[in-house]
């Protein structure tokens, strides 16, 4: 509950102020989701506006396999590549988060910036992510 209240309070701040909130990336799950720390709080963050291939065998991965006429292994391979690209984009850089909301899975939604580059947009330029 504390995490949601903190996210809500951050959401009430202006976009300019919040866009300058530095985060520490703890883990990259795949090309569009990470685990991050803001002060003493740890959050799952979903990069808004993009959809990358899944890196784990789940329902969404099976749907992507069917949608793109790929094997499940190919979907997971592409998801892992997307995750590796995101790791490389965030590694050893100052990373900032611009909060835009909370999804139904209680993940923070928003934009990630590293070295003043919008990483959401950069990930869209790969062949492993599309507009969501």
N, C-alpha and C. Protein backbone atom coordinates (compact mmCIF):
# COMPACT_ATOMS: atom_id res chain seq x y z
N UNK A 1 0.83 -1.20 0.00
CA UNK A 1 0.00 0.00 0.00
C UNK A 1 0.87 1.25 0.00
N UNK A 2 1.96 1.20 0.78
CA UNK A 2 2.86 2.35 0.86
C UNK A 2 3.41 2.71 -0.52
N UNK A 3 3.75 1.69 -1.32
CA UNK A 3 4.30 1.93 -2.65
C UNK A 3 3.29 2.65 -3.54
N UNK A 4 2.04 2.23 -3.49
CA UNK A 4 1.01 2.85 -4.33
C UNK A 4 0.77 4.29 -3.91
N UNK A 5 0.78 4.56 -2.62
CA UNK A 5 0.60 5.94 -2.14
C UNK A 5 1.75 6.81 -2.62
N UNK A 6 2.96 6.30 -2.53
CA UNK A 6 4.12 7.08 -2.99
C UNK A 6 4.02 7.33 -4.48
N UNK A 7 3.64 6.32 -5.26
CA UNK A 7 3.48 6.52 -6.71
C UNK A 7 2.40 7.55 -6.99
N UNK A 8 1.30 7.50 -6.25
CA UNK A 8 0.22 8.46 -6.46
C UNK A 8 0.70 9.88 -6.15
N UNK A 9 1.43 10.04 -5.07
CA UNK A 9 1.95 11.36 -4.71
C UNK A 9 2.92 11.87 -5.77
N UNK A 10 3.73 10.97 -6.30
CA UNK A 10 4.66 11.37 -7.36
C UNK A 10 3.90 11.76 -8.62
N UNK A 11 2.79 11.06 -8.88
CA UNK A 11 1.96 11.36 -10.05
C UNK A 11 1.39 12.77 -9.96
N UNK A 12 1.09 13.22 -8.76
CA UNK A 12 0.52 14.55 -8.58
C UNK A 12 1.52 15.67 -8.84
N UNK A 13 2.80 15.33 -8.80
CA UNK A 13 3.81 16.34 -9.09
C UNK A 13 3.75 16.68 -10.57
N UNK A 14 4.34 17.80 -10.93
CA UNK A 14 4.35 18.19 -12.35
C UNK A 14 5.19 17.21 -13.15
N UNK A 15 4.91 17.10 -14.42
CA UNK A 15 5.64 16.21 -15.31
C UNK A 15 7.12 16.58 -15.33
N UNK A 16 7.43 17.87 -15.33
CA UNK A 16 8.82 18.30 -15.38
C UNK A 16 9.60 17.82 -14.16
N UNK A 17 9.01 17.98 -13.00
CA UNK A 17 9.69 17.58 -11.77
C UNK A 17 9.86 16.07 -11.75
N UNK A 18 8.82 15.35 -12.09
CA UNK A 18 8.91 13.90 -11.99
C UNK A 18 9.83 13.31 -13.04
N UNK A 19 9.92 13.94 -14.20
CA UNK A 19 10.80 13.43 -15.24
C UNK A 19 12.25 13.47 -14.77
N UNK A 20 12.54 14.26 -13.76
CA UNK A 20 13.89 14.37 -13.24
C UNK A 20 14.11 13.49 -12.01
N UNK A 21 13.26 12.48 -11.79
CA UNK A 21 13.43 11.58 -10.67
C UNK A 21 14.35 10.44 -11.08
N UNK A 22 15.51 10.40 -10.46
CA UNK A 22 16.47 9.36 -10.79
C UNK A 22 16.06 8.06 -10.12
N UNK A 23 16.25 6.96 -10.84
CA UNK A 23 15.96 5.64 -10.30
C UNK A 23 17.20 4.77 -10.42
N UNK A 24 17.22 3.72 -9.63
CA UNK A 24 18.25 2.70 -9.76
C UNK A 24 17.60 1.46 -10.36
N UNK A 25 18.13 1.01 -11.47
CA UNK A 25 17.60 -0.20 -12.12
C UNK A 25 18.19 -1.40 -11.41
N UNK A 26 17.31 -2.23 -10.87
CA UNK A 26 17.74 -3.43 -10.15
C UNK A 26 17.79 -4.63 -11.08
N UNK A 27 16.77 -4.74 -11.95
CA UNK A 27 16.68 -5.90 -12.84
C UNK A 27 15.92 -5.51 -14.10
N UNK A 28 16.33 -6.07 -15.23
CA UNK A 28 15.60 -5.93 -16.49
C UNK A 28 14.93 -7.28 -16.74
N UNK A 29 13.60 -7.26 -16.83
CA UNK A 29 12.87 -8.51 -17.07
C UNK A 29 12.85 -8.87 -18.55
N UNK A 30 12.56 -7.87 -19.37
CA UNK A 30 12.53 -8.06 -20.82
C UNK A 30 12.66 -6.67 -21.43
N UNK A 31 12.28 -6.51 -22.66
CA UNK A 31 12.48 -5.23 -23.33
C UNK A 31 11.56 -4.11 -22.91
N UNK A 32 10.52 -4.41 -22.13
CA UNK A 32 9.59 -3.34 -21.74
C UNK A 32 9.22 -3.34 -20.26
N UNK A 33 9.96 -4.07 -19.44
CA UNK A 33 9.68 -4.02 -18.01
C UNK A 33 10.95 -4.23 -17.17
N UNK A 34 11.01 -3.45 -16.09
CA UNK A 34 12.17 -3.49 -15.22
C UNK A 34 11.74 -3.47 -13.76
N UNK A 35 12.67 -3.76 -12.89
CA UNK A 35 12.50 -3.59 -11.46
C UNK A 35 13.44 -2.45 -11.08
N UNK A 36 12.90 -1.45 -10.36
CA UNK A 36 13.69 -0.27 -10.05
C UNK A 36 13.47 0.17 -8.61
N UNK A 37 14.41 0.95 -8.13
CA UNK A 37 14.31 1.49 -6.79
C UNK A 37 14.28 3.01 -6.87
N UNK A 38 13.30 3.59 -6.15
CA UNK A 38 13.19 5.03 -5.99
C UNK A 38 13.24 5.27 -4.48
N UNK A 39 14.29 5.90 -4.03
CA UNK A 39 14.53 6.08 -2.59
C UNK A 39 14.55 4.70 -1.94
N UNK A 40 13.70 4.46 -0.95
CA UNK A 40 13.69 3.16 -0.26
C UNK A 40 12.64 2.20 -0.81
N UNK A 41 12.02 2.54 -1.92
CA UNK A 41 10.92 1.74 -2.45
C UNK A 41 11.30 1.07 -3.76
N UNK A 42 10.90 -0.19 -3.88
CA UNK A 42 11.18 -0.97 -5.08
C UNK A 42 9.88 -1.15 -5.86
N UNK A 43 9.94 -0.89 -7.17
CA UNK A 43 8.76 -0.94 -8.04
C UNK A 43 9.05 -1.73 -9.30
N UNK A 44 8.02 -2.39 -9.79
CA UNK A 44 8.06 -2.92 -11.16
C UNK A 44 7.61 -1.78 -12.06
N UNK A 45 8.34 -1.54 -13.11
CA UNK A 45 8.02 -0.47 -14.06
C UNK A 45 7.82 -1.07 -15.43
N UNK A 46 6.74 -0.67 -16.07
CA UNK A 46 6.42 -1.08 -17.44
C UNK A 46 6.61 0.13 -18.32
N UNK A 47 7.47 0.02 -19.34
CA UNK A 47 7.70 1.12 -20.27
C UNK A 47 6.42 1.32 -21.08
N UNK A 48 5.86 2.50 -20.98
CA UNK A 48 4.58 2.79 -21.61
C UNK A 48 4.74 2.99 -23.12
N UNK A 49 3.74 2.56 -23.85
CA UNK A 49 3.70 2.82 -25.30
C UNK A 49 4.43 1.82 -26.16
N UNK A 50 5.05 0.82 -25.53
CA UNK A 50 5.75 -0.19 -26.33
C UNK A 50 5.35 -1.58 -25.86
N UNK A 51 5.51 -2.54 -26.75
CA UNK A 51 5.25 -3.94 -26.44
C UNK A 51 6.36 -4.75 -27.07
N UNK A 52 7.16 -5.41 -26.24
CA UNK A 52 8.26 -6.23 -26.73
C UNK A 52 7.90 -7.70 -26.60
N UNK A 53 8.63 -8.52 -27.31
CA UNK A 53 8.42 -9.95 -27.17
C UNK A 53 8.69 -10.37 -25.74
N UNK A 54 7.96 -11.38 -25.28
CA UNK A 54 8.10 -11.89 -23.92
C UNK A 54 9.38 -12.71 -23.79
N UNK A 55 10.00 -12.66 -22.61
CA UNK A 55 11.22 -13.41 -22.35
C UNK A 55 10.97 -14.64 -21.49
N UNK A 56 9.73 -14.80 -21.02
CA UNK A 56 9.37 -15.97 -20.21
C UNK A 56 8.14 -16.64 -20.81
N UNK A 57 8.04 -17.94 -20.58
CA UNK A 57 6.92 -18.72 -21.10
C UNK A 57 5.68 -18.39 -20.27
N UNK A 58 4.82 -17.57 -20.86
CA UNK A 58 3.57 -17.19 -20.20
C UNK A 58 2.48 -17.09 -21.26
N UNK A 59 1.28 -16.77 -20.84
CA UNK A 59 0.15 -16.69 -21.76
C UNK A 59 0.42 -15.69 -22.88
N UNK A 60 0.98 -14.55 -22.53
CA UNK A 60 1.27 -13.50 -23.53
C UNK A 60 2.26 -14.01 -24.58
N UNK A 61 3.26 -14.79 -24.16
CA UNK A 61 4.24 -15.34 -25.10
C UNK A 61 3.55 -16.27 -26.11
N UNK A 62 2.61 -17.07 -25.62
CA UNK A 62 1.87 -17.98 -26.53
C UNK A 62 1.02 -17.17 -27.51
N UNK A 63 0.41 -16.09 -27.04
CA UNK A 63 -0.37 -15.22 -27.93
C UNK A 63 0.52 -14.57 -28.98
N UNK A 64 1.71 -14.14 -28.58
CA UNK A 64 2.64 -13.53 -29.54
C UNK A 64 3.08 -14.56 -30.58
N UNK A 65 3.33 -15.79 -30.15
CA UNK A 65 3.73 -16.85 -31.09
C UNK A 65 2.65 -17.05 -32.14
N UNK A 66 1.41 -17.08 -31.70
CA UNK A 66 0.30 -17.26 -32.64
C UNK A 66 0.14 -16.04 -33.54
N UNK A 67 0.18 -14.85 -32.95
CA UNK A 67 -0.01 -13.61 -33.71
C UNK A 67 1.04 -13.43 -34.80
N UNK A 68 2.30 -13.74 -34.47
CA UNK A 68 3.40 -13.51 -35.41
C UNK A 68 3.82 -14.77 -36.15
N UNK A 69 3.05 -15.86 -35.96
CA UNK A 69 3.34 -17.13 -36.61
C UNK A 69 4.78 -17.59 -36.34
N UNK A 70 5.15 -17.58 -35.06
CA UNK A 70 6.48 -17.97 -34.63
C UNK A 70 6.36 -19.11 -33.63
N UNK A 71 7.45 -19.84 -33.46
CA UNK A 71 7.46 -20.84 -32.40
C UNK A 71 7.61 -20.12 -31.06
N UNK A 72 7.20 -20.79 -30.00
CA UNK A 72 7.35 -20.22 -28.67
C UNK A 72 8.82 -19.94 -28.38
N UNK A 73 9.70 -20.85 -28.80
CA UNK A 73 11.13 -20.65 -28.58
C UNK A 73 11.63 -19.39 -29.27
N UNK A 74 11.13 -19.11 -30.46
CA UNK A 74 11.54 -17.90 -31.19
C UNK A 74 11.04 -16.64 -30.48
N UNK A 75 9.83 -16.68 -29.97
CA UNK A 75 9.31 -15.54 -29.21
C UNK A 75 10.18 -15.28 -28.00
N UNK A 76 10.51 -16.33 -27.24
CA UNK A 76 11.33 -16.18 -26.04
C UNK A 76 12.74 -15.71 -26.39
N UNK A 77 13.27 -16.19 -27.48
CA UNK A 77 14.60 -15.76 -27.94
C UNK A 77 14.58 -14.26 -28.23
N UNK A 78 13.57 -13.81 -28.96
CA UNK A 78 13.45 -12.39 -29.28
C UNK A 78 13.23 -11.55 -28.03
N UNK A 79 12.46 -12.08 -27.08
CA UNK A 79 12.24 -11.38 -25.83
C UNK A 79 13.52 -11.22 -25.03
N UNK A 80 14.33 -12.25 -25.03
CA UNK A 80 15.61 -12.17 -24.33
C UNK A 80 16.57 -11.20 -25.02
N UNK A 81 16.53 -11.15 -26.34
CA UNK A 81 17.35 -10.18 -27.07
C UNK A 81 16.89 -8.76 -26.73
N UNK A 82 15.58 -8.54 -26.70
CA UNK A 82 15.05 -7.21 -26.33
C UNK A 82 15.51 -6.83 -24.93
N UNK A 83 15.47 -7.78 -24.01
CA UNK A 83 15.93 -7.52 -22.65
C UNK A 83 17.42 -7.17 -22.61
N UNK A 84 18.21 -7.87 -23.42
CA UNK A 84 19.64 -7.58 -23.48
C UNK A 84 19.90 -6.18 -24.04
N UNK A 85 19.11 -5.79 -25.03
CA UNK A 85 19.24 -4.44 -25.60
C UNK A 85 18.91 -3.40 -24.53
N UNK A 86 17.81 -3.63 -23.79
CA UNK A 86 17.42 -2.67 -22.75
C UNK A 86 18.50 -2.60 -21.66
N UNK A 87 19.04 -3.75 -21.25
CA UNK A 87 20.12 -3.75 -20.25
C UNK A 87 21.28 -2.89 -20.73
N UNK A 88 21.66 -3.07 -21.97
CA UNK A 88 22.79 -2.31 -22.53
C UNK A 88 22.48 -0.81 -22.54
N UNK A 89 21.23 -0.45 -22.83
CA UNK A 89 20.84 0.97 -22.87
C UNK A 89 20.86 1.61 -21.49
N UNK A 90 20.64 0.82 -20.45
CA UNK A 90 20.54 1.36 -19.09
C UNK A 90 21.80 1.18 -18.26
N UNK A 91 22.68 0.30 -18.69
CA UNK A 91 23.85 -0.06 -17.92
C UNK A 91 24.82 1.11 -17.75
N UNK A 92 25.20 1.36 -16.50
CA UNK A 92 26.18 2.40 -16.15
C UNK A 92 25.78 3.80 -16.61
N UNK A 93 24.49 4.09 -16.62
CA UNK A 93 24.01 5.41 -17.00
C UNK A 93 23.09 5.95 -15.91
N UNK A 94 22.95 7.26 -15.87
CA UNK A 94 21.95 7.85 -14.98
C UNK A 94 20.60 7.62 -15.62
N UNK A 95 19.71 7.00 -14.88
CA UNK A 95 18.40 6.63 -15.43
C UNK A 95 17.33 7.40 -14.67
N UNK A 96 16.40 7.98 -15.44
CA UNK A 96 15.31 8.76 -14.88
C UNK A 96 13.98 8.17 -15.33
N UNK A 97 12.97 8.39 -14.51
CA UNK A 97 11.64 7.84 -14.77
C UNK A 97 10.59 8.94 -14.74
N UNK A 98 9.73 8.92 -15.75
CA UNK A 98 8.59 9.85 -15.83
C UNK A 98 7.31 9.04 -15.64
N UNK A 99 6.71 9.14 -14.48
CA UNK A 99 5.54 8.36 -14.10
C UNK A 99 4.31 8.80 -14.88
N UNK A 100 3.52 7.81 -15.39
CA UNK A 100 2.30 8.10 -16.13
C UNK A 100 1.08 7.37 -15.63
N UNK A 101 1.23 6.50 -14.64
CA UNK A 101 0.07 5.79 -14.11
C UNK A 101 0.46 4.43 -13.56
N UNK A 102 -0.58 3.65 -13.23
CA UNK A 102 -0.40 2.30 -12.70
C UNK A 102 -1.30 1.38 -13.51
N UNK A 103 -0.75 0.23 -13.93
CA UNK A 103 -1.57 -0.70 -14.71
C UNK A 103 -2.30 -1.68 -13.80
N UNK A 104 -3.07 -2.58 -14.41
CA UNK A 104 -3.89 -3.51 -13.63
C UNK A 104 -3.05 -4.51 -12.82
N UNK A 105 -1.77 -4.64 -13.16
CA UNK A 105 -0.87 -5.52 -12.42
C UNK A 105 -0.10 -4.76 -11.34
N UNK A 106 -0.50 -3.51 -11.09
CA UNK A 106 0.10 -2.63 -10.09
C UNK A 106 1.56 -2.27 -10.42
N UNK A 107 1.87 -2.25 -11.72
CA UNK A 107 3.19 -1.79 -12.14
C UNK A 107 3.10 -0.30 -12.45
N UNK A 108 4.15 0.42 -12.15
CA UNK A 108 4.22 1.83 -12.53
C UNK A 108 4.42 1.90 -14.04
N UNK A 109 3.69 2.79 -14.69
CA UNK A 109 3.80 2.99 -16.13
C UNK A 109 4.50 4.31 -16.39
N UNK A 110 5.37 4.33 -17.38
CA UNK A 110 6.00 5.60 -17.70
C UNK A 110 7.11 5.49 -18.70
N UNK A 111 7.85 6.58 -18.79
CA UNK A 111 8.96 6.71 -19.72
C UNK A 111 10.27 6.62 -18.96
N UNK A 112 11.23 5.95 -19.54
CA UNK A 112 12.56 5.82 -18.98
C UNK A 112 13.52 6.63 -19.85
N UNK A 113 14.38 7.39 -19.19
CA UNK A 113 15.40 8.17 -19.88
C UNK A 113 16.77 7.77 -19.35
N UNK A 114 17.72 7.61 -20.26
CA UNK A 114 19.11 7.35 -19.88
C UNK A 114 19.97 8.29 -20.70
N UNK A 115 20.80 9.06 -20.03
CA UNK A 115 21.63 10.07 -20.69
C UNK A 115 20.79 10.97 -21.60
N UNK A 116 19.63 11.39 -21.09
CA UNK A 116 18.70 12.30 -21.78
C UNK A 116 18.11 11.72 -23.06
N UNK A 117 18.11 10.40 -23.21
CA UNK A 117 17.52 9.73 -24.37
C UNK A 117 16.28 8.98 -23.90
N UNK A 118 15.17 9.15 -24.63
CA UNK A 118 13.94 8.44 -24.33
C UNK A 118 14.12 6.98 -24.74
N UNK A 119 14.27 6.11 -23.75
CA UNK A 119 14.54 4.70 -24.02
C UNK A 119 13.33 4.00 -24.61
N UNK A 120 12.12 4.41 -24.23
CA UNK A 120 10.92 3.82 -24.82
C UNK A 120 10.97 3.97 -26.34
N UNK A 121 11.26 5.18 -26.80
CA UNK A 121 11.33 5.44 -28.24
C UNK A 121 12.49 4.68 -28.89
N UNK A 122 13.60 4.61 -28.20
CA UNK A 122 14.76 3.90 -28.75
C UNK A 122 14.46 2.41 -28.92
N UNK A 123 13.74 1.83 -27.95
CA UNK A 123 13.40 0.42 -28.05
C UNK A 123 12.47 0.14 -29.24
N UNK A 124 11.63 1.13 -29.59
CA UNK A 124 10.74 0.96 -30.74
C UNK A 124 11.51 0.83 -32.05
N UNK A 125 12.72 1.33 -32.08
CA UNK A 125 13.53 1.26 -33.30
C UNK A 125 14.13 -0.12 -33.51
N UNK A 126 14.02 -0.99 -32.51
CA UNK A 126 14.51 -2.37 -32.68
C UNK A 126 13.40 -3.19 -33.35
N UNK A 127 13.75 -4.34 -33.82
CA UNK A 127 12.74 -5.21 -34.42
C UNK A 127 12.08 -6.12 -33.38
N UNK A 128 12.36 -5.83 -32.10
CA UNK A 128 11.86 -6.69 -31.02
C UNK A 128 10.72 -6.04 -30.24
N UNK A 129 10.36 -4.81 -30.61
CA UNK A 129 9.30 -4.08 -29.92
C UNK A 129 8.41 -3.39 -30.95
N UNK A 130 7.17 -3.18 -30.57
CA UNK A 130 6.24 -2.45 -31.42
C UNK A 130 5.44 -1.48 -30.55
N UNK A 131 4.71 -0.61 -31.23
CA UNK A 131 3.88 0.37 -30.52
C UNK A 131 2.75 -0.37 -29.81
N UNK A 132 2.48 0.04 -28.59
CA UNK A 132 1.39 -0.57 -27.81
C UNK A 132 0.38 0.49 -27.47
